[in-house]
Amino acid sequence: IKNGIECSFMSKKGCTFTNNACSPIVSQCEGCGYVMEFNGKSYCKTYADPAMKWSFGSCNFATHVEAPKVVEQKTVNPLKASKRASRGR
């Protein structure tokens, strides 16, 4: 990209990513807080190849995607449950 722009792949020698350039974002990245625009193209600040990140599911950097909520089921001891049932609780 350009010197002076926040990018984790920029060093004093230039871009350290493959082919010395980051890849533009994919359609799933639209609306993310890490997207920056440079020379009319949009790039990700945290990941140099967004298409690869989305190929395995949703991106863990995505600010516009909510993580699925995990519902924990409470395990019940069958012995205690039978005792409660016999007492009428």
PDB file of N, CA and C in Angstrom:
ATOM      1  N   ILE A   1       0.861  -1.170   0.000  1.00  0.00           N
ATOM      2  CA  ILE A   1       0.000   0.000   0.000  1.00  0.00           C
ATOM      3  C   ILE A   1       0.905   1.230   0.000  1.00  0.00           C
ATOM      4  N   LYS A   2       0.778   2.132   0.901  1.00  0.00           N
ATOM      5  CA  LYS A   2       1.573   3.347   0.883  1.00  0.00           C
ATOM      6  C   LYS A   2       2.181   3.578   2.255  1.00  0.00           C
ATOM      7  N   ASN A   3       3.391   4.095   2.300  1.00  0.00           N
ATOM      8  CA  ASN A   3       4.017   4.425   3.573  1.00  0.00           C
ATOM      9  C   ASN A   3       3.182   5.450   4.326  1.00  0.00           C
ATOM     10  N   GLY A   4       3.080   5.293   5.632  1.00  0.00           N
ATOM     11  CA  GLY A   4       2.299   6.215   6.442  1.00  0.00           C
ATOM     12  C   GLY A   4       0.893   5.723   6.718  1.00  0.00           C
ATOM     13  N   ILE A   5       0.448   4.680   6.012  1.00  0.00           N
ATOM     14  CA  ILE A   5      -0.876   4.123   6.244  1.00  0.00           C
ATOM     15  C   ILE A   5      -0.722   2.956   7.203  1.00  0.00           C
ATOM     16  N   GLU A   6      -1.636   2.871   8.173  1.00  0.00           N
ATOM     17  CA  GLU A   6      -1.563   1.790   9.153  1.00  0.00           C
ATOM     18  C   GLU A   6      -1.767   0.446   8.469  1.00  0.00           C
ATOM     19  N   CYS A   7      -0.742  -0.353   8.464  1.00  0.00           N
ATOM     20  CA  CYS A   7      -0.815  -1.687   7.899  1.00  0.00           C
ATOM     21  C   CYS A   7       0.207  -2.544   8.623  1.00  0.00           C
ATOM     22  N   SER A   8      -0.200  -3.706   9.057  1.00  0.00           N
ATOM     23  CA  SER A   8       0.708  -4.566   9.817  1.00  0.00           C
ATOM     24  C   SER A   8       1.788  -5.189   8.946  1.00  0.00           C
ATOM     25  N   PHE A   9       1.682  -5.090   7.642  1.00  0.00           N
ATOM     26  CA  PHE A   9       2.657  -5.687   6.739  1.00  0.00           C
ATOM     27  C   PHE A   9       3.675  -4.685   6.201  1.00  0.00           C
ATOM     28  N   MET A  10       3.549  -3.422   6.583  1.00  0.00           N
ATOM     29  CA  MET A  10       4.486  -2.412   6.104  1.00  0.00           C
ATOM     30  C   MET A  10       5.720  -2.389   6.997  1.00  0.00           C
ATOM     31  N   SER A  11       6.876  -2.320   6.383  1.00  0.00           N
ATOM     32  CA  SER A  11       8.130  -2.191   7.107  1.00  0.00           C
ATOM     33  C   SER A  11       8.912  -1.044   6.474  1.00  0.00           C
ATOM     34  N   LYS A  12      10.110  -0.833   6.951  1.00  0.00           N
ATOM     35  CA  LYS A  12      10.938   0.229   6.374  1.00  0.00           C
ATOM     36  C   LYS A  12      11.291  -0.064   4.918  1.00  0.00           C
ATOM     37  N   LYS A  13      11.316  -1.349   4.562  1.00  0.00           N
ATOM     38  CA  LYS A  13      11.651  -1.757   3.188  1.00  0.00           C
ATOM     39  C   LYS A  13      10.429  -1.786   2.274  1.00  0.00           C
ATOM     40  N   GLY A  14       9.234  -1.585   2.811  1.00  0.00           N
ATOM     41  CA  GLY A  14       8.012  -1.636   2.013  1.00  0.00           C
ATOM     42  C   GLY A  14       7.109  -2.758   2.476  1.00  0.00           C
ATOM     43  N   CYS A  15       6.191  -3.131   1.641  1.00  0.00           N
ATOM     44  CA  CYS A  15       5.230  -4.177   1.989  1.00  0.00           C
ATOM     45  C   CYS A  15       5.920  -5.528   2.015  1.00  0.00           C
ATOM     46  N   THR A  16       5.687  -6.277   3.087  1.00  0.00           N
ATOM     47  CA  THR A  16       6.329  -7.580   3.236  1.00  0.00           C
ATOM     48  C   THR A  16       5.419  -8.735   2.831  1.00  0.00           C
ATOM     49  N   PHE A  17       4.227  -8.439   2.348  1.00  0.00           N
ATOM     50  CA  PHE A  17       3.300  -9.491   1.936  1.00  0.00           C
ATOM     51  C   PHE A  17       3.687 -10.013   0.556  1.00  0.00           C
ATOM     52  N   THR A  18       3.125 -11.150   0.144  1.00  0.00           N
ATOM     53  CA  THR A  18       3.418 -11.770  -1.143  1.00  0.00           C
ATOM     54  C   THR A  18       3.209 -10.772  -2.283  1.00  0.00           C
ATOM     55  N   ASN A  19       4.129 -10.719  -3.205  1.00  0.00           N
ATOM     56  CA  ASN A  19       4.119  -9.807  -4.367  1.00  0.00           C
ATOM     57  C   ASN A  19       4.151  -8.344  -3.949  1.00  0.00           C
ATOM     58  N   ASN A  20       4.541  -8.064  -2.728  1.00  0.00           N
ATOM     59  CA  ASN A  20       4.681  -6.701  -2.196  1.00  0.00           C
ATOM     60  C   ASN A  20       3.421  -5.869  -2.309  1.00  0.00           C
ATOM     61  N   ALA A  21       2.261  -6.521  -2.225  1.00  0.00           N
ATOM     62  CA  ALA A  21       0.996  -5.783  -2.273  1.00  0.00           C
ATOM     63  C   ALA A  21      -0.093  -6.577  -1.579  1.00  0.00           C
ATOM     64  N   CYS A  22      -0.985  -5.863  -0.913  1.00  0.00           N
ATOM     65  CA  CYS A  22      -2.139  -6.491  -0.272  1.00  0.00           C
ATOM     66  C   CYS A  22      -3.255  -6.668  -1.295  1.00  0.00           C
ATOM     67  N   SER A  23      -4.119  -7.641  -1.047  1.00  0.00           N
ATOM     68  CA  SER A  23      -5.242  -7.903  -1.946  1.00  0.00           C
ATOM     69  C   SER A  23      -6.434  -7.046  -1.559  1.00  0.00           C
ATOM     70  N   PRO A  24      -7.241  -6.593  -2.519  1.00  0.00           N
ATOM     71  CA  PRO A  24      -8.454  -5.834  -2.201  1.00  0.00           C
ATOM     72  C   PRO A  24      -9.457  -6.710  -1.439  1.00  0.00           C
ATOM     73  N   ILE A  25     -10.393  -6.070  -0.754  1.00  0.00           N
ATOM     74  CA  ILE A  25     -11.385  -6.793   0.031  1.00  0.00           C
ATOM     75  C   ILE A  25     -12.363  -7.528  -0.872  1.00  0.00           C
ATOM     76  N   VAL A  26     -13.059  -8.495  -0.295  1.00  0.00           N
ATOM     77  CA  VAL A  26     -14.098  -9.233  -0.991  1.00  0.00           C
ATOM     78  C   VAL A  26     -15.454  -8.689  -0.551  1.00  0.00           C
ATOM     79  N   SER A  27     -16.531  -9.165  -1.158  1.00  0.00           N
ATOM     80  CA  SER A  27     -17.862  -8.617  -0.886  1.00  0.00           C
ATOM     81  C   SER A  27     -18.301  -8.837   0.562  1.00  0.00           C
ATOM     82  N   GLN A  28     -17.822  -9.906   1.217  1.00  0.00           N
ATOM     83  CA  GLN A  28     -18.204 -10.162   2.601  1.00  0.00           C
ATOM     84  C   GLN A  28     -17.620  -9.128   3.550  1.00  0.00           C
ATOM     85  N   CYS A  29     -16.581  -8.429   3.148  1.00  0.00           N
ATOM     86  CA  CYS A  29     -15.924  -7.436   4.002  1.00  0.00           C
ATOM     87  C   CYS A  29     -16.658  -6.092   4.034  1.00  0.00           C
ATOM     88  N   GLU A  30     -17.603  -5.887   3.151  1.00  0.00           N
ATOM     89  CA  GLU A  30     -18.314  -4.607   3.089  1.00  0.00           C
ATOM     90  C   GLU A  30     -18.979  -4.310   4.432  1.00  0.00           C
ATOM     91  N   GLY A  31     -18.715  -3.146   4.986  1.00  0.00           N
ATOM     92  CA  GLY A  31     -19.309  -2.740   6.249  1.00  0.00           C
ATOM     93  C   GLY A  31     -18.433  -2.999   7.461  1.00  0.00           C
ATOM     94  N   CYS A  32     -17.268  -3.578   7.259  1.00  0.00           N
ATOM     95  CA  CYS A  32     -16.359  -3.870   8.364  1.00  0.00           C
ATOM     96  C   CYS A  32     -15.635  -2.589   8.791  1.00  0.00           C
ATOM     97  N   GLY A  33     -15.291  -2.518  10.059  1.00  0.00           N
ATOM     98  CA  GLY A  33     -14.593  -1.355  10.591  1.00  0.00           C
ATOM     99  C   GLY A  33     -13.122  -1.308  10.237  1.00  0.00           C
ATOM    100  N   TYR A  34     -12.551  -2.397   9.751  1.00  0.00           N
ATOM    101  CA  TYR A  34     -11.135  -2.456   9.412  1.00  0.00           C
ATOM    102  C   TYR A  34     -10.859  -2.160   7.942  1.00  0.00           C
ATOM    103  N   VAL A  35     -11.868  -1.808   7.186  1.00  0.00           N
ATOM    104  CA  VAL A  35     -11.691  -1.527   5.763  1.00  0.00           C
ATOM    105  C   VAL A  35     -11.205  -0.092   5.594  1.00  0.00           C
ATOM    106  N   MET A  36     -10.153   0.066   4.788  1.00  0.00           N
ATOM    107  CA  MET A  36      -9.663   1.407   4.457  1.00  0.00           C
ATOM    108  C   MET A  36      -9.603   1.537   2.947  1.00  0.00           C
ATOM    109  N   GLU A  37      -9.750   2.753   2.475  1.00  0.00           N
ATOM    110  CA  GLU A  37      -9.745   2.982   1.034  1.00  0.00           C
ATOM    111  C   GLU A  37      -8.454   3.682   0.641  1.00  0.00           C
ATOM    112  N   PHE A  38      -7.873   3.227  -0.459  1.00  0.00           N
ATOM    113  CA  PHE A  38      -6.644   3.811  -0.970  1.00  0.00           C
ATOM    114  C   PHE A  38      -6.653   3.715  -2.482  1.00  0.00           C
ATOM    115  N   ASN A  39      -6.502   4.826  -3.155  1.00  0.00           N
ATOM    116  CA  ASN A  39      -6.492   4.906  -4.625  1.00  0.00           C
ATOM    117  C   ASN A  39      -7.721   4.258  -5.252  1.00  0.00           C
ATOM    118  N   GLY A  40      -8.883   4.451  -4.660  1.00  0.00           N
ATOM    119  CA  GLY A  40     -10.121   3.936  -5.225  1.00  0.00           C
ATOM    120  C   GLY A  40     -10.397   2.475  -4.937  1.00  0.00           C
ATOM    121  N   LYS A  41      -9.504   1.792  -4.255  1.00  0.00           N
ATOM    122  CA  LYS A  41      -9.712   0.389  -3.895  1.00  0.00           C
ATOM    123  C   LYS A  41      -9.773   0.275  -2.377  1.00  0.00           C
ATOM    124  N   SER A  42     -10.492  -0.733  -1.899  1.00  0.00           N
ATOM    125  CA  SER A  42     -10.632  -0.947  -0.467  1.00  0.00           C
ATOM    126  C   SER A  42      -9.746  -2.106  -0.027  1.00  0.00           C
ATOM    127  N   TYR A  43      -9.061  -1.904   1.100  1.00  0.00           N
ATOM    128  CA  TYR A  43      -8.163  -2.901   1.645  1.00  0.00           C
ATOM    129  C   TYR A  43      -8.484  -3.123   3.122  1.00  0.00           C
ATOM    130  N   CYS A  44      -8.083  -4.283   3.634  1.00  0.00           N
ATOM    131  CA  CYS A  44      -8.256  -4.597   5.048  1.00  0.00           C
ATOM    132  C   CYS A  44      -7.006  -4.175   5.804  1.00  0.00           C
ATOM    133  N   LYS A  45      -7.193  -3.524   6.964  1.00  0.00           N
ATOM    134  CA  LYS A  45      -6.050  -3.093   7.767  1.00  0.00           C
ATOM    135  C   LYS A  45      -5.387  -4.253   8.505  1.00  0.00           C
ATOM    136  N   THR A  46      -6.125  -5.309   8.783  1.00  0.00           N
ATOM    137  CA  THR A  46      -5.584  -6.374   9.611  1.00  0.00           C
ATOM    138  C   THR A  46      -5.199  -7.636   8.857  1.00  0.00           C
ATOM    139  N   TYR A  47      -5.724  -7.849   7.667  1.00  0.00           N
ATOM    140  CA  TYR A  47      -5.417  -9.072   6.938  1.00  0.00           C
ATOM    141  C   TYR A  47      -5.120  -8.740   5.491  1.00  0.00           C
ATOM    142  N   ALA A  48      -4.013  -9.220   4.979  1.00  0.00           N
ATOM    143  CA  ALA A  48      -3.571  -8.839   3.636  1.00  0.00           C
ATOM    144  C   ALA A  48      -4.322  -9.549   2.522  1.00  0.00           C
ATOM    145  N   ASP A  49      -4.862 -10.733   2.790  1.00  0.00           N
ATOM    146  CA  ASP A  49      -5.588 -11.487   1.771  1.00  0.00           C
ATOM    147  C   ASP A  49      -6.973 -11.853   2.315  1.00  0.00           C
ATOM    148  N   PRO A  50      -7.944 -10.938   2.253  1.00  0.00           N
ATOM    149  CA  PRO A  50      -9.264 -11.187   2.833  1.00  0.00           C
ATOM    150  C   PRO A  50      -9.995 -12.378   2.220  1.00  0.00           C
ATOM    151  N   ALA A  51      -9.785 -12.670   0.961  1.00  0.00           N
ATOM    152  CA  ALA A  51     -10.467 -13.804   0.335  1.00  0.00           C
ATOM    153  C   ALA A  51     -10.083 -15.114   1.017  1.00  0.00           C
ATOM    154  N   MET A  52      -8.843 -15.243   1.404  1.00  0.00           N
ATOM    155  CA  MET A  52      -8.391 -16.447   2.095  1.00  0.00           C
ATOM    156  C   MET A  52      -9.016 -16.530   3.486  1.00  0.00           C
ATOM    157  N   LYS A  53      -9.166 -15.411   4.150  1.00  0.00           N
ATOM    158  CA  LYS A  53      -9.737 -15.405   5.494  1.00  0.00           C
ATOM    159  C   LYS A  53     -11.196 -15.841   5.467  1.00  0.00           C
ATOM    160  N   TRP A  54     -11.950 -15.447   4.456  1.00  0.00           N
ATOM    161  CA  TRP A  54     -13.367 -15.802   4.358  1.00  0.00           C
ATOM    162  C   TRP A  54     -13.574 -17.202   3.772  1.00  0.00           C
ATOM    163  N   SER A  55     -12.551 -17.825   3.222  1.00  0.00           N
ATOM    164  CA  SER A  55     -12.724 -19.139   2.597  1.00  0.00           C
ATOM    165  C   SER A  55     -12.988 -20.249   3.619  1.00  0.00           C
ATOM    166  N   PHE A  56     -12.613 -20.033   4.877  1.00  0.00           N
ATOM    167  CA  PHE A  56     -12.826 -21.035   5.920  1.00  0.00           C
ATOM    168  C   PHE A  56     -13.996 -20.709   6.829  1.00  0.00           C
ATOM    169  N   GLY A  57     -14.864 -19.807   6.433  1.00  0.00           N
ATOM    170  CA  GLY A  57     -15.987 -19.375   7.272  1.00  0.00           C
ATOM    171  C   GLY A  57     -15.908 -17.871   7.440  1.00  0.00           C
ATOM    172  N   SER A  58     -16.523 -17.366   8.495  1.00  0.00           N
ATOM    173  CA  SER A  58     -16.514 -15.924   8.689  1.00  0.00           C
ATOM    174  C   SER A  58     -15.176 -15.473   9.260  1.00  0.00           C
ATOM    175  N   CYS A  59     -14.812 -14.261   8.948  1.00  0.00           N
ATOM    176  CA  CYS A  59     -13.553 -13.670   9.385  1.00  0.00           C
ATOM    177  C   CYS A  59     -13.653 -13.314  10.865  1.00  0.00           C
ATOM    178  N   ASN A  60     -12.633 -13.663  11.644  1.00  0.00           N
ATOM    179  CA  ASN A  60     -12.681 -13.344  13.061  1.00  0.00           C
ATOM    180  C   ASN A  60     -12.391 -11.875  13.341  1.00  0.00           C
ATOM    181  N   PHE A  61     -11.918 -11.121  12.365  1.00  0.00           N
ATOM    182  CA  PHE A  61     -11.697  -9.691  12.518  1.00  0.00           C
ATOM    183  C   PHE A  61     -12.939  -8.871  12.168  1.00  0.00           C
ATOM    184  N   ALA A  62     -13.935  -9.471  11.547  1.00  0.00           N
ATOM    185  CA  ALA A  62     -15.107  -8.749  11.037  1.00  0.00           C
ATOM    186  C   ALA A  62     -15.875  -8.089  12.182  1.00  0.00           C
ATOM    187  N   THR A  63     -16.032  -6.776  12.092  1.00  0.00           N
ATOM    188  CA  THR A  63     -16.768  -6.041  13.118  1.00  0.00           C
ATOM    189  C   THR A  63     -18.256  -5.985  12.808  1.00  0.00           C
ATOM    190  N   HIS A  64     -18.638  -6.332  11.600  1.00  0.00           N
ATOM    191  CA  HIS A  64     -20.033  -6.243  11.195  1.00  0.00           C
ATOM    192  C   HIS A  64     -20.767  -7.582  11.278  1.00  0.00           C
ATOM    193  N   VAL A  65     -20.080  -8.656  11.679  1.00  0.00           N
ATOM    194  CA  VAL A  65     -20.679  -9.985  11.786  1.00  0.00           C
ATOM    195  C   VAL A  65     -20.711 -10.377  13.254  1.00  0.00           C
ATOM    196  N   GLU A  66     -21.895 -10.782  13.728  1.00  0.00           N
ATOM    197  CA  GLU A  66     -22.007 -11.226  15.106  1.00  0.00           C
ATOM    198  C   GLU A  66     -21.648 -12.704  15.199  1.00  0.00           C
ATOM    199  N   ALA A  67     -20.932 -13.054  16.242  1.00  0.00           N
ATOM    200  CA  ALA A  67     -20.572 -14.456  16.464  1.00  0.00           C
ATOM    201  C   ALA A  67     -21.823 -15.219  16.886  1.00  0.00           C
ATOM    202  N   PRO A  68     -21.945 -16.466  16.460  1.00  0.00           N
ATOM    203  CA  PRO A  68     -23.116 -17.248  16.874  1.00  0.00           C
ATOM    204  C   PRO A  68     -23.105 -17.454  18.382  1.00  0.00           C
ATOM    205  N   LYS A  69     -24.277 -17.327  18.982  1.00  0.00           N
ATOM    206  CA  LYS A  69     -24.387 -17.469  20.430  1.00  0.00           C
ATOM    207  C   LYS A  69     -24.473 -18.946  20.784  1.00  0.00           C
ATOM    208  N   VAL A  70     -23.676 -19.333  21.737  1.00  0.00           N
ATOM    209  CA  VAL A  70     -23.640 -20.713  22.185  1.00  0.00           C
ATOM    210  C   VAL A  70     -24.560 -20.840  23.382  1.00  0.00           C
ATOM    211  N   VAL A  71     -25.526 -21.740  23.278  1.00  0.00           N
ATOM    212  CA  VAL A  71     -26.462 -21.968  24.361  1.00  0.00           C
ATOM    213  C   VAL A  71     -25.972 -23.173  25.155  1.00  0.00           C
ATOM    214  N   GLU A  72     -25.674 -22.921  26.422  1.00  0.00           N
ATOM    215  CA  GLU A  72     -25.192 -24.004  27.266  1.00  0.00           C
ATOM    216  C   GLU A  72     -26.381 -24.699  27.912  1.00  0.00           C
ATOM    217  N   GLN A  73     -26.388 -26.006  27.820  1.00  0.00           N
ATOM    218  CA  GLN A  73     -27.442 -26.770  28.461  1.00  0.00           C
ATOM    219  C   GLN A  73     -26.930 -27.240  29.815  1.00  0.00           C
ATOM    220  N   LYS A  74     -27.754 -27.025  30.793  1.00  0.00           N
ATOM    221  CA  LYS A  74     -27.377 -27.403  32.138  1.00  0.00           C
ATOM    222  C   LYS A  74     -27.563 -28.904  32.298  1.00  0.00           C
ATOM    223  N   THR A  75     -26.527 -29.579  32.755  1.00  0.00           N
ATOM    224  CA  THR A  75     -26.632 -31.015  32.960  1.00  0.00           C
ATOM    225  C   THR A  75     -27.274 -31.281  34.316  1.00  0.00           C
ATOM    226  N   VAL A  76     -28.157 -32.239  34.344  1.00  0.00           N
ATOM    227  CA  VAL A  76     -28.884 -32.573  35.556  1.00  0.00           C
ATOM    228  C   VAL A  76     -28.460 -33.957  36.013  1.00  0.00           C
ATOM    229  N   ASN A  77     -28.151 -34.037  37.280  1.00  0.00           N
ATOM    230  CA  ASN A  77     -27.811 -35.328  37.867  1.00  0.00           C
ATOM    231  C   ASN A  77     -29.089 -36.157  37.954  1.00  0.00           C
ATOM    232  N   PRO A  78     -29.176 -37.318  37.322  1.00  0.00           N
ATOM    233  CA  PRO A  78     -30.410 -38.098  37.308  1.00  0.00           C
ATOM    234  C   PRO A  78     -30.851 -38.562  38.698  1.00  0.00           C
ATOM    235  N   LEU A  79     -29.909 -38.814  39.592  1.00  0.00           N
ATOM    236  CA  LEU A  79     -30.260 -39.246  40.942  1.00  0.00           C
ATOM    237  C   LEU A  79     -30.959 -38.124  41.708  1.00  0.00           C
ATOM    238  N   LYS A  80     -30.404 -36.906  41.595  1.00  0.00           N
ATOM    239  CA  LYS A  80     -31.026 -35.760  42.265  1.00  0.00           C
ATOM    240  C   LYS A  80     -32.378 -35.443  41.644  1.00  0.00           C
ATOM    241  N   ALA A  81     -32.491 -35.585  40.332  1.00  0.00           N
ATOM    242  CA  ALA A  81     -33.765 -35.303  39.655  1.00  0.00           C
ATOM    243  C   ALA A  81     -34.854 -36.277  40.120  1.00  0.00           C
ATOM    244  N   SER A  82     -34.506 -37.534  40.288  1.00  0.00           N
ATOM    245  CA  SER A  82     -35.515 -38.503  40.738  1.00  0.00           C
ATOM    246  C   SER A  82     -35.930 -38.222  42.181  1.00  0.00           C
ATOM    247  N   LYS A  83     -34.994 -37.804  43.026  1.00  0.00           N
ATOM    248  CA  LYS A  83     -35.328 -37.467  44.408  1.00  0.00           C
ATOM    249  C   LYS A  83     -36.256 -36.248  44.470  1.00  0.00           C
ATOM    250  N   ARG A  84     -35.978 -35.252  43.648  1.00  0.00           N
ATOM    251  CA  ARG A  84     -36.845 -34.057  43.614  1.00  0.00           C
ATOM    252  C   ARG A  84     -38.239 -34.428  43.143  1.00  0.00           C
ATOM    253  N   ALA A  85     -38.309 -35.295  42.157  1.00  0.00           N
ATOM    254  CA  ALA A  85     -39.606 -35.698  41.618  1.00  0.00           C
ATOM    255  C   ALA A  85     -40.405 -36.484  42.643  1.00  0.00           C
ATOM    256  N   SER A  86     -39.719 -37.294  43.424  1.00  0.00           N
ATOM    257  CA  SER A  86     -40.440 -38.098  44.434  1.00  0.00           C
ATOM    258  C   SER A  86     -40.944 -37.222  45.579  1.00  0.00           C
ATOM    259  N   ARG A  87     -40.249 -36.117  45.859  1.00  0.00           N
ATOM    260  CA  ARG A  87     -40.698 -35.194  46.908  1.00  0.00           C
ATOM    261  C   ARG A  87     -41.779 -34.253  46.419  1.00  0.00           C
ATOM    262  N   GLY A  88     -42.005 -34.189  45.120  1.00  0.00           N
ATOM    263  CA  GLY A  88     -43.057 -33.333  44.564  1.00  0.00           C
ATOM    264  C   GLY A  88     -42.598 -31.940  44.222  1.00  0.00           C
ATOM    265  N   ARG A  89     -41.342 -31.735  44.028  1.00  0.00           N
ATOM    266  CA  ARG A  89     -40.839 -30.401  43.674  1.00  0.00           C
ATOM    267  C   ARG A  89     -40.845 -30.184  42.204  1.00  0.00           C
TER     268      ARG A  89
END
